[in-house]
Amino acid sequence: MKVEELTAKVLKDHPNMDRYQLAIAVAKRCDELENGAPSKLNVNTSNIKSADLALMEIAEGLITVKGFTDKEK
């Protein structure tokens, strides 16, 4: 999936999150990945940039962004 599609998916799934908050969440996860945290995706990560990998993990729901979870109705 393209970065734009992943971004749109995350923002659609989490209507209380805006693109700036998503950028901060991606940056934090990117730092974790670059400092040795293992990826939660079952893909070969050697050819994927850490920022793209972080966005994919958030889009797939493998990473929970604290403070932006949907409230029950």
Protein backbone atom coordinates (compact mmCIF):
# COMPACT_ATOMS: atom_id res chain seq x y z
CA MET A 1 0.00 0.00 0.00
CA LYS A 2 1.15 3.54 -0.66
CA VAL A 3 1.92 5.91 2.19
CA GLU A 4 -1.07 8.08 1.28
CA GLU A 5 -3.41 5.08 1.42
CA LEU A 6 -2.02 3.95 4.78
CA THR A 7 -2.37 7.45 6.20
CA ALA A 8 -5.97 7.70 4.98
CA LYS A 9 -6.76 4.28 6.50
CA VAL A 10 -5.40 5.26 9.93
CA LEU A 11 -7.21 8.60 9.94
CA LYS A 12 -10.45 6.91 8.86
CA ASP A 13 -10.16 4.25 11.57
CA HIS A 14 -9.32 6.84 14.24
CA PRO A 15 -11.48 9.93 13.62
CA ASN A 16 -10.25 11.60 16.82
CA MET A 17 -6.63 11.64 15.51
CA ASP A 18 -5.37 14.26 13.08
CA ARG A 19 -2.44 14.00 10.69
CA TYR A 20 -0.09 15.89 13.00
CA GLN A 21 -0.75 13.50 15.86
CA LEU A 22 -0.23 10.61 13.47
CA ALA A 23 3.11 12.09 12.41
CA ILE A 24 4.21 12.22 16.06
CA ALA A 25 3.12 8.60 16.62
CA VAL A 26 4.99 7.45 13.50
CA ALA A 27 8.10 9.35 14.61
CA LYS A 28 8.04 7.75 18.07
CA ARG A 29 7.63 4.24 16.62
CA CYS A 30 10.31 4.98 14.03
CA ASP A 31 12.73 5.88 16.84
CA GLU A 32 11.90 2.61 18.60
CA LEU A 33 12.52 0.61 15.42
CA GLU A 34 15.82 2.36 14.74
CA ASN A 35 16.93 1.66 18.30
CA GLY A 36 16.46 -2.08 17.91
CA ALA A 37 12.79 -2.79 18.60
CA PRO A 38 11.55 -5.73 16.54
CA SER A 39 8.88 -5.17 13.92
CA LYS A 40 5.45 -6.59 14.59
CA LEU A 41 4.86 -7.30 10.89
CA ASN A 42 5.70 -10.62 9.27
CA VAL A 43 7.58 -9.12 6.33
CA ASN A 44 11.19 -8.75 5.29
CA THR A 45 12.01 -5.38 6.81
CA SER A 46 15.45 -4.94 5.25
CA ASN A 47 14.07 -3.05 2.22
CA ILE A 48 11.52 -0.92 4.10
CA LYS A 49 12.27 2.46 5.66
CA SER A 50 11.57 2.61 9.37
CA ALA A 51 9.01 5.42 8.95
CA ASP A 52 7.07 3.38 6.39
CA LEU A 53 7.26 0.33 8.61
CA ALA A 54 5.96 2.31 11.60
CA LEU A 55 3.04 3.64 9.55
CA MET A 56 2.22 0.12 8.33
CA GLU A 57 2.21 -1.20 11.90
CA ILE A 58 -0.14 1.58 13.04
CA ALA A 59 -2.42 1.08 10.01
CA GLU A 60 -2.68 -2.66 10.69
CA GLY A 61 -3.57 -2.02 14.31
CA LEU A 62 -0.46 -3.72 15.64
CA ILE A 63 0.61 -0.58 17.46
CA THR A 64 -1.82 1.21 19.76
CA VAL A 65 -1.39 4.94 19.92
CA LYS A 66 -2.09 5.95 23.51
CA GLY A 67 -4.59 8.75 23.89
CA PHE A 68 -6.18 8.17 20.50
CA THR A 69 -8.19 5.01 21.05
CA ASP A 70 -11.85 5.12 20.11
CA LYS A 71 -14.25 5.46 22.99
CA GLU A 72 -17.14 3.03 23.31
CA LYS A 73 -20.52 4.47 22.41
